[in-house]
Amino acid sequence: MRLQEFWTRMHELFGSMRAESVARDHVLSAVGGRTAVEAIEAGVALRKVWLAICEEYDVPPKKR
């Protein structure tokens, strides 16, 4: 997964304003107690960050 794809999926799932908030503010235990932005900056694989968000927000498997 590329960074552009990650953000496209985030915007599709949450809308443009909420996607930014979710990525910057919501702490995800699956990526070491970091926000999505912190995890990405720390080098965590984008796919892992995306799946952590999907799990946290109960995203249906079709949209993952």
PDB file of N, CA and C in Angstrom:
ATOM      1  N   MET A   1       0.845  -1.166   0.000  1.00  0.00           N
ATOM      2  CA  MET A   1       0.000   0.000   0.000  1.00  0.00           C
ATOM      3  C   MET A   1       0.898   1.238   0.000  1.00  0.00           C
ATOM      4  N   ARG A   2       0.518   2.199  -0.795  1.00  0.00           N
ATOM      5  CA  ARG A   2       1.247   3.465  -0.851  1.00  0.00           C
ATOM      6  C   ARG A   2       0.526   4.507   0.000  1.00  0.00           C
ATOM      7  N   LEU A   3       1.241   5.548   0.334  1.00  0.00           N
ATOM      8  CA  LEU A   3       0.680   6.590   1.187  1.00  0.00           C
ATOM      9  C   LEU A   3      -0.559   7.227   0.555  1.00  0.00           C
ATOM     10  N   GLN A   4      -0.525   7.473  -0.730  1.00  0.00           N
ATOM     11  CA  GLN A   4      -1.683   8.057  -1.414  1.00  0.00           C
ATOM     12  C   GLN A   4      -2.905   7.151  -1.311  1.00  0.00           C
ATOM     13  N   GLU A   5      -2.705   5.858  -1.459  1.00  0.00           N
ATOM     14  CA  GLU A   5      -3.806   4.907  -1.345  1.00  0.00           C
ATOM     15  C   GLU A   5      -4.371   4.904   0.078  1.00  0.00           C
ATOM     16  N   PHE A   6      -3.476   4.975   1.062  1.00  0.00           N
ATOM     17  CA  PHE A   6      -3.913   5.029   2.459  1.00  0.00           C
ATOM     18  C   PHE A   6      -4.839   6.225   2.673  1.00  0.00           C
ATOM     19  N   TRP A   7      -4.403   7.406   2.241  1.00  0.00           N
ATOM     20  CA  TRP A   7      -5.216   8.607   2.447  1.00  0.00           C
ATOM     21  C   TRP A   7      -6.503   8.586   1.622  1.00  0.00           C
ATOM     22  N   THR A   8      -6.461   8.030   0.445  1.00  0.00           N
ATOM     23  CA  THR A   8      -7.678   7.899  -0.364  1.00  0.00           C
ATOM     24  C   THR A   8      -8.694   7.036   0.361  1.00  0.00           C
ATOM     25  N   ARG A   9      -8.237   5.916   0.898  1.00  0.00           N
ATOM     26  CA  ARG A   9      -9.142   5.029   1.640  1.00  0.00           C
ATOM     27  C   ARG A   9      -9.674   5.705   2.901  1.00  0.00           C
ATOM     28  N   MET A  10      -8.810   6.419   3.604  1.00  0.00           N
ATOM     29  CA  MET A  10      -9.244   7.138   4.804  1.00  0.00           C
ATOM     30  C   MET A  10     -10.335   8.149   4.468  1.00  0.00           C
ATOM     31  N   HIS A  11     -10.137   8.908   3.407  1.00  0.00           N
ATOM     32  CA  HIS A  11     -11.118   9.923   3.009  1.00  0.00           C
ATOM     33  C   HIS A  11     -12.419   9.287   2.539  1.00  0.00           C
ATOM     34  N   GLU A  12     -12.331   8.164   1.852  1.00  0.00           N
ATOM     35  CA  GLU A  12     -13.545   7.464   1.424  1.00  0.00           C
ATOM     36  C   GLU A  12     -14.323   6.923   2.620  1.00  0.00           C
ATOM     37  N   LEU A  13     -13.614   6.425   3.612  1.00  0.00           N
ATOM     38  CA  LEU A  13     -14.248   5.807   4.763  1.00  0.00           C
ATOM     39  C   LEU A  13     -14.816   6.832   5.743  1.00  0.00           C
ATOM     40  N   PHE A  14     -14.056   7.877   6.023  1.00  0.00           N
ATOM     41  CA  PHE A  14     -14.438   8.821   7.065  1.00  0.00           C
ATOM     42  C   PHE A  14     -14.847  10.203   6.569  1.00  0.00           C
ATOM     43  N   GLY A  15     -14.617  10.492   5.300  1.00  0.00           N
ATOM     44  CA  GLY A  15     -14.819  11.854   4.811  1.00  0.00           C
ATOM     45  C   GLY A  15     -13.537  12.640   5.030  1.00  0.00           C
ATOM     46  N   SER A  16     -13.361  13.707   4.283  1.00  0.00           N
ATOM     47  CA  SER A  16     -12.067  14.400   4.311  1.00  0.00           C
ATOM     48  C   SER A  16     -11.752  15.033   5.663  1.00  0.00           C
ATOM     49  N   MET A  17     -12.698  15.632   6.328  1.00  0.00           N
ATOM     50  CA  MET A  17     -12.414  16.288   7.606  1.00  0.00           C
ATOM     51  C   MET A  17     -12.194  15.270   8.726  1.00  0.00           C
ATOM     52  N   ARG A  18     -13.027  14.279   8.802  1.00  0.00           N
ATOM     53  CA  ARG A  18     -12.903  13.295   9.886  1.00  0.00           C
ATOM     54  C   ARG A  18     -11.692  12.392   9.686  1.00  0.00           C
ATOM     55  N   ALA A  19     -11.329  12.098   8.455  1.00  0.00           N
ATOM     56  CA  ALA A  19     -10.165  11.246   8.185  1.00  0.00           C
ATOM     57  C   ALA A  19      -8.909  11.832   8.817  1.00  0.00           C
ATOM     58  N   GLU A  20      -8.731  13.123   8.665  1.00  0.00           N
ATOM     59  CA  GLU A  20      -7.558  13.790   9.240  1.00  0.00           C
ATOM     60  C   GLU A  20      -7.575  13.679  10.763  1.00  0.00           C
ATOM     61  N   SER A  21      -8.730  13.872  11.358  1.00  0.00           N
ATOM     62  CA  SER A  21      -8.863  13.793  12.808  1.00  0.00           C
ATOM     63  C   SER A  21      -8.585  12.389  13.318  1.00  0.00           C
ATOM     64  N   VAL A  22      -9.155  11.393  12.672  1.00  0.00           N
ATOM     65  CA  VAL A  22      -8.931  10.004  13.075  1.00  0.00           C
ATOM     66  C   VAL A  22      -7.442   9.672  13.003  1.00  0.00           C
ATOM     67  N   ALA A  23      -6.802  10.057  11.930  1.00  0.00           N
ATOM     68  CA  ALA A  23      -5.386   9.730  11.739  1.00  0.00           C
ATOM     69  C   ALA A  23      -4.479  10.439  12.735  1.00  0.00           C
ATOM     70  N   ARG A  24      -4.833  11.648  13.139  1.00  0.00           N
ATOM     71  CA  ARG A  24      -3.970  12.433  14.016  1.00  0.00           C
ATOM     72  C   ARG A  24      -4.284  12.272  15.507  1.00  0.00           C
ATOM     73  N   ASP A  25      -5.530  11.933  15.831  1.00  0.00           N
ATOM     74  CA  ASP A  25      -5.963  11.974  17.230  1.00  0.00           C
ATOM     75  C   ASP A  25      -6.248  10.622  17.879  1.00  0.00           C
ATOM     76  N   HIS A  26      -6.639   9.638  17.103  1.00  0.00           N
ATOM     77  CA  HIS A  26      -7.057   8.358  17.693  1.00  0.00           C
ATOM     78  C   HIS A  26      -5.847   7.451  17.907  1.00  0.00           C
ATOM     79  N   VAL A  27      -5.621   7.056  19.142  1.00  0.00           N
ATOM     80  CA  VAL A  27      -4.490   6.185  19.481  1.00  0.00           C
ATOM     81  C   VAL A  27      -4.896   4.728  19.228  1.00  0.00           C
ATOM     82  N   LEU A  28      -4.042   4.016  18.528  1.00  0.00           N
ATOM     83  CA  LEU A  28      -4.295   2.631  18.138  1.00  0.00           C
ATOM     84  C   LEU A  28      -3.334   1.703  18.875  1.00  0.00           C
ATOM     85  N   SER A  29      -3.869   0.826  19.681  1.00  0.00           N
ATOM     86  CA  SER A  29      -3.001  -0.091  20.434  1.00  0.00           C
ATOM     87  C   SER A  29      -2.263  -1.060  19.514  1.00  0.00           C
ATOM     88  N   ALA A  30      -2.862  -1.400  18.390  1.00  0.00           N
ATOM     89  CA  ALA A  30      -2.258  -2.372  17.467  1.00  0.00           C
ATOM     90  C   ALA A  30      -0.970  -1.870  16.808  1.00  0.00           C
ATOM     91  N   VAL A  31      -0.720  -0.569  16.899  1.00  0.00           N
ATOM     92  CA  VAL A  31       0.518  -0.021  16.326  1.00  0.00           C
ATOM     93  C   VAL A  31       1.358   0.646  17.419  1.00  0.00           C
ATOM     94  N   GLY A  32       1.322   0.046  18.583  1.00  0.00           N
ATOM     95  CA  GLY A  32       2.183   0.493  19.664  1.00  0.00           C
ATOM     96  C   GLY A  32       1.700   1.697  20.445  1.00  0.00           C
ATOM     97  N   GLY A  33       0.399   1.896  20.499  1.00  0.00           N
ATOM     98  CA  GLY A  33      -0.137   3.022  21.256  1.00  0.00           C
ATOM     99  C   GLY A  33       0.144   4.355  20.595  1.00  0.00           C
ATOM    100  N   ARG A  34       0.194   4.342  19.281  1.00  0.00           N
ATOM    101  CA  ARG A  34       0.444   5.556  18.494  1.00  0.00           C
ATOM    102  C   ARG A  34      -0.802   5.906  17.691  1.00  0.00           C
ATOM    103  N   THR A  35      -0.832   7.141  17.232  1.00  0.00           N
ATOM    104  CA  THR A  35      -1.855   7.507  16.258  1.00  0.00           C
ATOM    105  C   THR A  35      -1.397   6.966  14.907  1.00  0.00           C
ATOM    106  N   ALA A  36      -2.278   6.981  13.933  1.00  0.00           N
ATOM    107  CA  ALA A  36      -1.900   6.514  12.593  1.00  0.00           C
ATOM    108  C   ALA A  36      -0.754   7.350  12.037  1.00  0.00           C
ATOM    109  N   VAL A  37      -0.823   8.658  12.200  1.00  0.00           N
ATOM    110  CA  VAL A  37       0.231   9.533  11.693  1.00  0.00           C
ATOM    111  C   VAL A  37       1.556   9.233  12.387  1.00  0.00           C
ATOM    112  N   GLU A  38       1.541   9.066  13.695  1.00  0.00           N
ATOM    113  CA  GLU A  38       2.766   8.743  14.427  1.00  0.00           C
ATOM    114  C   GLU A  38       3.335   7.400  13.985  1.00  0.00           C
ATOM    115  N   ALA A  39       2.463   6.428  13.790  1.00  0.00           N
ATOM    116  CA  ALA A  39       2.910   5.103  13.359  1.00  0.00           C
ATOM    117  C   ALA A  39       3.554   5.162  11.982  1.00  0.00           C
ATOM    118  N   ILE A  40       2.933   5.879  11.076  1.00  0.00           N
ATOM    119  CA  ILE A  40       3.479   6.006   9.718  1.00  0.00           C
ATOM    120  C   ILE A  40       4.845   6.691   9.773  1.00  0.00           C
ATOM    121  N   GLU A  41       4.935   7.766  10.556  1.00  0.00           N
ATOM    122  CA  GLU A  41       6.209   8.483  10.685  1.00  0.00           C
ATOM    123  C   GLU A  41       7.290   7.615  11.333  1.00  0.00           C
ATOM    124  N   ALA A  42       6.875   6.671  12.175  1.00  0.00           N
ATOM    125  CA  ALA A  42       7.823   5.771  12.839  1.00  0.00           C
ATOM    126  C   ALA A  42       8.226   4.594  11.950  1.00  0.00           C
ATOM    127  N   GLY A  43       7.627   4.496  10.773  1.00  0.00           N
ATOM    128  CA  GLY A  43       7.999   3.442   9.837  1.00  0.00           C
ATOM    129  C   GLY A  43       7.146   2.186   9.882  1.00  0.00           C
ATOM    130  N   VAL A  44       6.039   2.235  10.593  1.00  0.00           N
ATOM    131  CA  VAL A  44       5.128   1.084  10.610  1.00  0.00           C
ATOM    132  C   VAL A  44       4.520   0.959   9.209  1.00  0.00           C
ATOM    133  N   ALA A  45       4.408  -0.261   8.724  1.00  0.00           N
ATOM    134  CA  ALA A  45       3.864  -0.503   7.384  1.00  0.00           C
ATOM    135  C   ALA A  45       2.455   0.084   7.264  1.00  0.00           C
ATOM    136  N   LEU A  46       2.226   0.762   6.157  1.00  0.00           N
ATOM    137  CA  LEU A  46       0.925   1.392   5.922  1.00  0.00           C
ATOM    138  C   LEU A  46      -0.216   0.395   6.001  1.00  0.00           C
ATOM    139  N   ARG A  47      -0.005  -0.783   5.480  1.00  0.00           N
ATOM    140  CA  ARG A  47      -1.048  -1.814   5.519  1.00  0.00           C
ATOM    141  C   ARG A  47      -1.408  -2.158   6.971  1.00  0.00           C
ATOM    142  N   LYS A  48      -0.406  -2.263   7.823  1.00  0.00           N
ATOM    143  CA  LYS A  48      -0.648  -2.575   9.226  1.00  0.00           C
ATOM    144  C   LYS A  48      -1.434  -1.440   9.898  1.00  0.00           C
ATOM    145  N   VAL A  49      -1.088  -0.205   9.593  1.00  0.00           N
ATOM    146  CA  VAL A  49      -1.810   0.945  10.149  1.00  0.00           C
ATOM    147  C   VAL A  49      -3.255   0.930   9.651  1.00  0.00           C
ATOM    148  N   TRP A  50      -3.431   0.702   8.366  1.00  0.00           N
ATOM    149  CA  TRP A  50      -4.770   0.659   7.789  1.00  0.00           C
ATOM    150  C   TRP A  50      -5.619  -0.432   8.448  1.00  0.00           C
ATOM    151  N   LEU A  51      -5.053  -1.611   8.608  1.00  0.00           N
ATOM    152  CA  LEU A  51      -5.794  -2.713   9.223  1.00  0.00           C
ATOM    153  C   LEU A  51      -6.106  -2.434  10.688  1.00  0.00           C
ATOM    154  N   ALA A  52      -5.213  -1.736  11.378  1.00  0.00           N
ATOM    155  CA  ALA A  52      -5.484  -1.352  12.771  1.00  0.00           C
ATOM    156  C   ALA A  52      -6.675  -0.407  12.837  1.00  0.00           C
ATOM    157  N   ILE A  53      -6.744   0.532  11.917  1.00  0.00           N
ATOM    158  CA  ILE A  53      -7.882   1.451  11.859  1.00  0.00           C
ATOM    159  C   ILE A  53      -9.160   0.680  11.534  1.00  0.00           C
ATOM    160  N   CYS A  54      -9.075  -0.213  10.577  1.00  0.00           N
ATOM    161  CA  CYS A  54     -10.250  -1.017  10.198  1.00  0.00           C
ATOM    162  C   CYS A  54     -10.768  -1.821  11.373  1.00  0.00           C
ATOM    163  N   GLU A  55      -9.857  -2.412  12.126  1.00  0.00           N
ATOM    164  CA  GLU A  55     -10.248  -3.212  13.283  1.00  0.00           C
ATOM    165  C   GLU A  55     -10.891  -2.327  14.349  1.00  0.00           C
ATOM    166  N   GLU A  56     -10.289  -1.211  14.614  1.00  0.00           N
ATOM    167  CA  GLU A  56     -10.771  -0.291  15.647  1.00  0.00           C
ATOM    168  C   GLU A  56     -12.170   0.258  15.333  1.00  0.00           C
ATOM    169  N   TYR A  57     -12.428   0.502  14.064  1.00  0.00           N
ATOM    170  CA  TYR A  57     -13.699   1.099  13.649  1.00  0.00           C
ATOM    171  C   TYR A  57     -14.663   0.089  13.025  1.00  0.00           C
ATOM    172  N   ASP A  58     -14.397  -1.193  13.193  1.00  0.00           N
ATOM    173  CA  ASP A  58     -15.271  -2.255  12.692  1.00  0.00           C
ATOM    174  C   ASP A  58     -15.629  -2.087  11.208  1.00  0.00           C
ATOM    175  N   VAL A  59     -14.614  -1.829  10.405  1.00  0.00           N
ATOM    176  CA  VAL A  59     -14.812  -1.687   8.961  1.00  0.00           C
ATOM    177  C   VAL A  59     -15.087  -3.077   8.381  1.00  0.00           C
ATOM    178  N   PRO A  60     -16.142  -3.206   7.587  1.00  0.00           N
ATOM    179  CA  PRO A  60     -16.450  -4.512   7.000  1.00  0.00           C
ATOM    180  C   PRO A  60     -15.300  -5.035   6.126  1.00  0.00           C
ATOM    181  N   PRO A  61     -15.119  -6.338   6.109  1.00  0.00           N
ATOM    182  CA  PRO A  61     -14.011  -6.932   5.321  1.00  0.00           C
ATOM    183  C   PRO A  61     -13.981  -6.474   3.861  1.00  0.00           C
ATOM    184  N   LYS A  62     -15.121  -6.227   3.253  1.00  0.00           N
ATOM    185  CA  LYS A  62     -15.156  -5.788   1.849  1.00  0.00           C
ATOM    186  C   LYS A  62     -14.412  -4.471   1.636  1.00  0.00           C
ATOM    187  N   LYS A  63     -14.402  -3.624   2.638  1.00  0.00           N
ATOM    188  CA  LYS A  63     -13.786  -2.299   2.506  1.00  0.00           C
ATOM    189  C   LYS A  63     -12.338  -2.239   2.983  1.00  0.00           C
ATOM    190  N   ARG A  64     -11.858  -3.360   3.470  1.00  0.00           N
ATOM    191  CA  ARG A  64     -10.481  -3.386   3.984  1.00  0.00           C
ATOM    192  C   ARG A  64      -9.522  -3.575   2.857  1.00  0.00           C
TER     193      ARG A  64
END
